[in-house]
Amino acid sequence: MRYLTKSRFKLAVECPTKLSYTGKDNYRNLLAEDSFMQALAEGGFQVGRMATMRYPNGIEVTERSNARALARTQELLSSHDNIVLFEPAFAHEGLLVRVDILVKKSNALQLIEVKAKSYNSIEPEIVGARGGITSGMLPYIQDVAFQKYVVSKAMPQASVECFLMMPDKSVIATVNGLNQCFKIVS
């Protein structure tokens, strides 16, 4: 089954035509060939890995196949009342998401989407001058809303709260060069 994943959803929101070209070998993906974009992605992986450190007892769903990831997620959630999962998979009617961090406490789920984009907690720029979500934040809100929809439909008995976890640029790091302490290995 081919799912509408979070990545494909975000692509379709950005430009519906792009969705029809994804996964087709005869079209080049210039972003995949751009070393600068690859470096930015690695920075995102570092932020994601640092975010998991807030939950030292978390369990990562490492299965790559959708079917196995969905089964493993369900197995872990059904066997624990309280658990933290990294990259759990959820599907509903052709929609599929992998959640960055999921905290389960009984029937309450916290869906945490980790972003590398920095945020200023002192002067947040989420709502624009005329109201409404700023164009810089809208893709992140749409992303987490899509995930909440899928998780809520896949787990109708649970209450789902959503959070964005982003580096706070108004806070001074207590460790110099913290980002350089993490190495990405294949």
C-alpha atoms as a PDB file:
ATOM      1  CA  MET A   1       0.000   0.000   0.000  1.00  0.00           C
ATOM      2  CA  ARG A   2       1.280   3.465  -0.844  1.00  0.00           C
ATOM      3  CA  TYR A   3       0.570   5.863   2.003  1.00  0.00           C
ATOM      4  CA  LEU A   4       0.190   9.597   2.074  1.00  0.00           C
ATOM      5  CA  THR A   5       3.014  10.171   4.535  1.00  0.00           C
ATOM      6  CA  LYS A   6       3.822  13.308   6.486  1.00  0.00           C
ATOM      7  CA  SER A   7       6.602  14.158   4.011  1.00  0.00           C
ATOM      8  CA  ARG A   8       4.325  13.734   1.023  1.00  0.00           C
ATOM      9  CA  PHE A   9       1.576  15.733   2.768  1.00  0.00           C
ATOM     10  CA  LYS A  10       4.004  18.614   3.418  1.00  0.00           C
ATOM     11  CA  LEU A  11       5.128  18.481  -0.204  1.00  0.00           C
ATOM     12  CA  ALA A  12       1.517  18.579  -1.439  1.00  0.00           C
ATOM     13  CA  VAL A  13       0.707  21.579   0.780  1.00  0.00           C
ATOM     14  CA  GLU A  14       3.741  23.381  -0.622  1.00  0.00           C
ATOM     15  CA  CYS A  15       2.946  22.493  -4.246  1.00  0.00           C
ATOM     16  CA  PRO A  16       0.346  19.882  -5.265  1.00  0.00           C
ATOM     17  CA  THR A  17       2.147  19.207  -8.560  1.00  0.00           C
ATOM     18  CA  LYS A  18       5.283  18.101  -6.724  1.00  0.00           C
ATOM     19  CA  LEU A  19       3.319  15.293  -5.112  1.00  0.00           C
ATOM     20  CA  SER A  20       2.674  13.672  -8.473  1.00  0.00           C
ATOM     21  CA  TYR A  21       6.419  13.584  -9.212  1.00  0.00           C
ATOM     22  CA  THR A  22       7.618  12.094  -5.910  1.00  0.00           C
ATOM     23  CA  GLY A  23       9.114   8.643  -6.049  1.00  0.00           C
ATOM     24  CA  LYS A  24       9.440   8.595  -9.832  1.00  0.00           C
ATOM     25  CA  ASP A  25      12.912   7.726 -11.043  1.00  0.00           C
ATOM     26  CA  ASN A  26      12.796   9.738 -14.247  1.00  0.00           C
ATOM     27  CA  TYR A  27      12.662  13.097 -12.402  1.00  0.00           C
ATOM     28  CA  ARG A  28      15.689  14.571 -10.627  1.00  0.00           C
ATOM     29  CA  ASN A  29      15.456  15.642  -7.015  1.00  0.00           C
ATOM     30  CA  LEU A  30      17.802  18.624  -6.867  1.00  0.00           C
ATOM     31  CA  LEU A  31      17.511  18.838  -3.080  1.00  0.00           C
ATOM     32  CA  ALA A  32      19.003  15.346  -2.761  1.00  0.00           C
ATOM     33  CA  GLU A  33      22.007  16.523  -4.801  1.00  0.00           C
ATOM     34  CA  ASP A  34      22.541  19.758  -2.829  1.00  0.00           C
ATOM     35  CA  SER A  35      25.344  19.402  -0.242  1.00  0.00           C
ATOM     36  CA  PHE A  36      24.147  22.503   1.635  1.00  0.00           C
ATOM     37  CA  MET A  37      20.664  21.009   2.034  1.00  0.00           C
ATOM     38  CA  GLN A  38      22.219  17.736   3.173  1.00  0.00           C
ATOM     39  CA  ALA A  39      24.227  19.618   5.823  1.00  0.00           C
ATOM     40  CA  LEU A  40      21.044  21.290   7.046  1.00  0.00           C
ATOM     41  CA  ALA A  41      19.364  17.885   7.276  1.00  0.00           C
ATOM     42  CA  GLU A  42      22.267  16.592   9.378  1.00  0.00           C
ATOM     43  CA  GLY A  43      21.766  19.560  11.718  1.00  0.00           C
ATOM     44  CA  GLY A  44      18.122  18.556  12.017  1.00  0.00           C
ATOM     45  CA  PHE A  45      19.148  15.005  12.923  1.00  0.00           C
ATOM     46  CA  GLN A  46      21.413  16.407  15.657  1.00  0.00           C
ATOM     47  CA  VAL A  47      18.564  18.448  17.146  1.00  0.00           C
ATOM     48  CA  GLY A  48      16.315  15.388  16.981  1.00  0.00           C
ATOM     49  CA  ARG A  49      18.893  13.233  18.762  1.00  0.00           C
ATOM     50  CA  MET A  50      19.399  15.889  21.460  1.00  0.00           C
ATOM     51  CA  ALA A  51      15.620  16.045  21.970  1.00  0.00           C
ATOM     52  CA  THR A  52      15.498  12.312  22.706  1.00  0.00           C
ATOM     53  CA  MET A  53      17.995  12.874  25.521  1.00  0.00           C
ATOM     54  CA  ARG A  54      15.196  14.520  27.508  1.00  0.00           C
ATOM     55  CA  TYR A  55      13.621  11.062  27.700  1.00  0.00           C
ATOM     56  CA  PRO A  56      16.441   8.665  28.684  1.00  0.00           C
ATOM     57  CA  ASN A  57      14.080   5.681  29.045  1.00  0.00           C
ATOM     58  CA  GLY A  58      12.497   6.191  25.625  1.00  0.00           C
ATOM     59  CA  ILE A  59      12.373   3.320  23.161  1.00  0.00           C
ATOM     60  CA  GLU A  60      13.068   3.862  19.469  1.00  0.00           C
ATOM     61  CA  VAL A  61      10.926   2.069  16.920  1.00  0.00           C
ATOM     62  CA  THR A  62      13.737   1.091  14.552  1.00  0.00           C
ATOM     63  CA  GLU A  63      11.772  -0.999  12.077  1.00  0.00           C
ATOM     64  CA  ARG A  64      11.974   0.590   8.610  1.00  0.00           C
ATOM     65  CA  SER A  65       9.156  -1.277   6.885  1.00  0.00           C
ATOM     66  CA  ASN A  66       5.806   0.394   7.479  1.00  0.00           C
ATOM     67  CA  ALA A  67       4.052  -2.845   8.413  1.00  0.00           C
ATOM     68  CA  ARG A  68       6.718  -3.821  10.954  1.00  0.00           C
ATOM     69  CA  ALA A  69       6.914  -0.291  12.415  1.00  0.00           C
ATOM     70  CA  LEU A  70       3.130  -0.161  12.813  1.00  0.00           C
ATOM     71  CA  ALA A  71       3.091  -3.597  14.476  1.00  0.00           C
ATOM     72  CA  ARG A  72       5.991  -2.753  16.814  1.00  0.00           C
ATOM     73  CA  THR A  73       4.366   0.553  17.815  1.00  0.00           C
ATOM     74  CA  GLN A  74       1.078  -1.186  18.594  1.00  0.00           C
ATOM     75  CA  GLU A  75       2.884  -3.916  20.566  1.00  0.00           C
ATOM     76  CA  LEU A  76       4.733  -1.361  22.710  1.00  0.00           C
ATOM     77  CA  LEU A  77       1.698   0.844  23.322  1.00  0.00           C
ATOM     78  CA  SER A  78      -0.571  -2.049  24.262  1.00  0.00           C
ATOM     79  CA  SER A  79       1.940  -3.573  26.688  1.00  0.00           C
ATOM     80  CA  HIS A  80       2.757  -0.363  28.621  1.00  0.00           C
ATOM     81  CA  ASP A  81       0.534   2.139  30.435  1.00  0.00           C
ATOM     82  CA  ASN A  82       3.356   4.668  30.576  1.00  0.00           C
ATOM     83  CA  ILE A  83       6.009   4.745  27.853  1.00  0.00           C
ATOM     84  CA  VAL A  84       8.005   7.119  25.659  1.00  0.00           C
ATOM     85  CA  LEU A  85       8.544   6.138  22.031  1.00  0.00           C
ATOM     86  CA  PHE A  86      10.783   7.650  19.377  1.00  0.00           C
ATOM     87  CA  GLU A  87       9.613   7.332  15.761  1.00  0.00           C
ATOM     88  CA  PRO A  88       6.452   5.288  16.452  1.00  0.00           C
ATOM     89  CA  ALA A  89       4.277   4.686  13.385  1.00  0.00           C
ATOM     90  CA  PHE A  90       0.550   5.306  13.042  1.00  0.00           C
ATOM     91  CA  ALA A  91      -1.733   4.767  10.055  1.00  0.00           C
ATOM     92  CA  HIS A  92      -5.345   5.525   9.251  1.00  0.00           C
ATOM     93  CA  GLU A  93      -7.146   5.121   5.913  1.00  0.00           C
ATOM     94  CA  GLY A  94      -4.070   5.485   3.704  1.00  0.00           C
ATOM     95  CA  LEU A  95      -2.358   8.119   5.886  1.00  0.00           C
ATOM     96  CA  LEU A  96       0.904   7.319   7.679  1.00  0.00           C
ATOM     97  CA  VAL A  97       3.017   9.252  10.181  1.00  0.00           C
ATOM     98  CA  ARG A  98       6.168   8.584  12.175  1.00  0.00           C
ATOM     99  CA  VAL A  99       6.025  10.753  15.296  1.00  0.00           C
ATOM    100  CA  ASP A 100       9.317  12.191  16.578  1.00  0.00           C
ATOM    101  CA  ILE A 101       8.493  11.629  20.262  1.00  0.00           C
ATOM    102  CA  LEU A 102       5.330  10.124  21.740  1.00  0.00           C
ATOM    103  CA  VAL A 103       4.735  10.164  25.493  1.00  0.00           C
ATOM    104  CA  LYS A 104       1.974   7.840  26.684  1.00  0.00           C
ATOM    105  CA  LYS A 105       0.549   8.215  30.174  1.00  0.00           C
ATOM    106  CA  SER A 106      -2.433   5.893  30.489  1.00  0.00           C
ATOM    107  CA  ASN A 107      -4.915   7.138  27.843  1.00  0.00           C
ATOM    108  CA  ALA A 108      -3.210  10.497  27.327  1.00  0.00           C
ATOM    109  CA  LEU A 109      -0.735  10.912  24.484  1.00  0.00           C
ATOM    110  CA  GLN A 110       1.700  13.763  24.014  1.00  0.00           C
ATOM    111  CA  LEU A 111       2.792  14.064  20.397  1.00  0.00           C
ATOM    112  CA  ILE A 112       6.053  16.011  20.235  1.00  0.00           C
ATOM    113  CA  GLU A 113       7.323  17.237  16.872  1.00  0.00           C
ATOM    114  CA  VAL A 114      10.984  18.233  16.992  1.00  0.00           C
ATOM    115  CA  LYS A 115      12.174  21.015  14.693  1.00  0.00           C
ATOM    116  CA  ALA A 116      15.679  22.373  14.159  1.00  0.00           C
ATOM    117  CA  LYS A 117      14.288  25.868  13.453  1.00  0.00           C
ATOM    118  CA  SER A 118      15.074  28.138  16.365  1.00  0.00           C
ATOM    119  CA  TYR A 119      12.386  29.930  18.319  1.00  0.00           C
ATOM    120  CA  ASN A 120      12.488  32.891  20.702  1.00  0.00           C
ATOM    121  CA  SER A 121      10.359  32.206  23.782  1.00  0.00           C
ATOM    122  CA  ILE A 122      10.639  35.844  24.892  1.00  0.00           C
ATOM    123  CA  GLU A 123       9.336  37.242  21.593  1.00  0.00           C
ATOM    124  CA  PRO A 124       7.574  34.359  19.839  1.00  0.00           C
ATOM    125  CA  GLU A 125       6.693  35.049  16.227  1.00  0.00           C
ATOM    126  CA  ILE A 126       3.812  32.652  15.751  1.00  0.00           C
ATOM    127  CA  VAL A 127       0.949  35.070  15.160  1.00  0.00           C
ATOM    128  CA  GLY A 128       1.420  37.771  12.531  1.00  0.00           C
ATOM    129  CA  ALA A 129       0.652  41.485  12.856  1.00  0.00           C
ATOM    130  CA  ARG A 130      -2.797  41.032  11.286  1.00  0.00           C
ATOM    131  CA  GLY A 131      -3.539  37.849  13.201  1.00  0.00           C
ATOM    132  CA  GLY A 132      -3.220  34.371  11.820  1.00  0.00           C
ATOM    133  CA  ILE A 133      -0.192  32.114  11.853  1.00  0.00           C
ATOM    134  CA  THR A 134       2.974  33.571  10.308  1.00  0.00           C
ATOM    135  CA  SER A 135       4.134  32.061   7.026  1.00  0.00           C
ATOM    136  CA  GLY A 136       7.329  30.891   8.741  1.00  0.00           C
ATOM    137  CA  MET A 137       5.406  28.874  11.349  1.00  0.00           C
ATOM    138  CA  LEU A 138       2.482  27.663   9.230  1.00  0.00           C
ATOM    139  CA  PRO A 139       4.264  24.589   7.775  1.00  0.00           C
ATOM    140  CA  TYR A 140       5.179  23.427  11.294  1.00  0.00           C
ATOM    141  CA  ILE A 141       1.607  23.840  12.534  1.00  0.00           C
ATOM    142  CA  GLN A 142       0.249  22.001   9.476  1.00  0.00           C
ATOM    143  CA  ASP A 143       2.800  19.236  10.027  1.00  0.00           C
ATOM    144  CA  VAL A 144       1.800  18.633  13.649  1.00  0.00           C
ATOM    145  CA  ALA A 145      -1.921  18.977  12.803  1.00  0.00           C
ATOM    146  CA  PHE A 146      -1.600  16.226  10.168  1.00  0.00           C
ATOM    147  CA  GLN A 147       0.140  14.002  12.713  1.00  0.00           C
ATOM    148  CA  LYS A 148      -2.510  14.684  15.346  1.00  0.00           C
ATOM    149  CA  TYR A 149      -5.270  13.818  12.888  1.00  0.00           C
ATOM    150  CA  VAL A 150      -3.694  10.465  12.004  1.00  0.00           C
ATOM    151  CA  VAL A 151      -2.786   9.538  15.601  1.00  0.00           C
ATOM    152  CA  SER A 152      -6.253  10.564  16.868  1.00  0.00           C
ATOM    153  CA  LYS A 153      -7.945   8.416  14.225  1.00  0.00           C
ATOM    154  CA  ALA A 154      -5.581   5.481  14.828  1.00  0.00           C
ATOM    155  CA  MET A 155      -6.026   5.750  18.624  1.00  0.00           C
ATOM    156  CA  PRO A 156      -9.618   7.026  19.096  1.00  0.00           C
ATOM    157  CA  GLN A 157      -9.695   5.997  22.774  1.00  0.00           C
ATOM    158  CA  ALA A 158      -6.780   8.319  23.619  1.00  0.00           C
ATOM    159  CA  SER A 159      -6.640  12.055  24.139  1.00  0.00           C
ATOM    160  CA  VAL A 160      -3.862  13.593  22.048  1.00  0.00           C
ATOM    161  CA  GLU A 161      -2.007  16.806  22.873  1.00  0.00           C
ATOM    162  CA  CYS A 162       0.537  18.257  20.441  1.00  0.00           C
ATOM    163  CA  PHE A 163       3.750  20.125  21.071  1.00  0.00           C
ATOM    164  CA  LEU A 164       6.514  21.632  18.975  1.00  0.00           C
ATOM    165  CA  MET A 165      10.001  21.253  20.464  1.00  0.00           C
ATOM    166  CA  MET A 166      12.397  23.811  19.024  1.00  0.00           C
ATOM    167  CA  PRO A 167      15.746  25.243  20.162  1.00  0.00           C
ATOM    168  CA  ASP A 168      15.091  28.408  22.159  1.00  0.00           C
ATOM    169  CA  LYS A 169      17.458  31.109  20.902  1.00  0.00           C
ATOM    170  CA  SER A 170      16.699  33.335  23.910  1.00  0.00           C
ATOM    171  CA  VAL A 171      18.432  30.828  26.223  1.00  0.00           C
ATOM    172  CA  ILE A 172      22.216  30.660  26.522  1.00  0.00           C
ATOM    173  CA  ALA A 173      23.644  27.156  26.214  1.00  0.00           C
ATOM    174  CA  THR A 174      25.500  25.910  29.279  1.00  0.00           C
ATOM    175  CA  VAL A 175      27.946  23.924  27.115  1.00  0.00           C
ATOM    176  CA  ASN A 176      29.986  25.585  24.361  1.00  0.00           C
ATOM    177  CA  GLY A 177      29.919  23.749  21.022  1.00  0.00           C
ATOM    178  CA  LEU A 178      27.214  21.353  22.204  1.00  0.00           C
ATOM    179  CA  ASN A 179      26.158  20.568  18.636  1.00  0.00           C
ATOM    180  CA  GLN A 180      29.679  19.361  17.833  1.00  0.00           C
ATOM    181  CA  CYS A 181      29.450  16.666  20.534  1.00  0.00           C
ATOM    182  CA  PHE A 182      27.124  14.592  18.341  1.00  0.00           C
ATOM    183  CA  LYS A 183      28.338  12.599  15.360  1.00  0.00           C
ATOM    184  CA  ILE A 184      26.054  11.270  12.658  1.00  0.00           C
ATOM    185  CA  VAL A 185      26.904   7.699  11.710  1.00  0.00           C
ATOM    186  CA  SER A 186      25.225   5.560   9.100  1.00  0.00           C
END
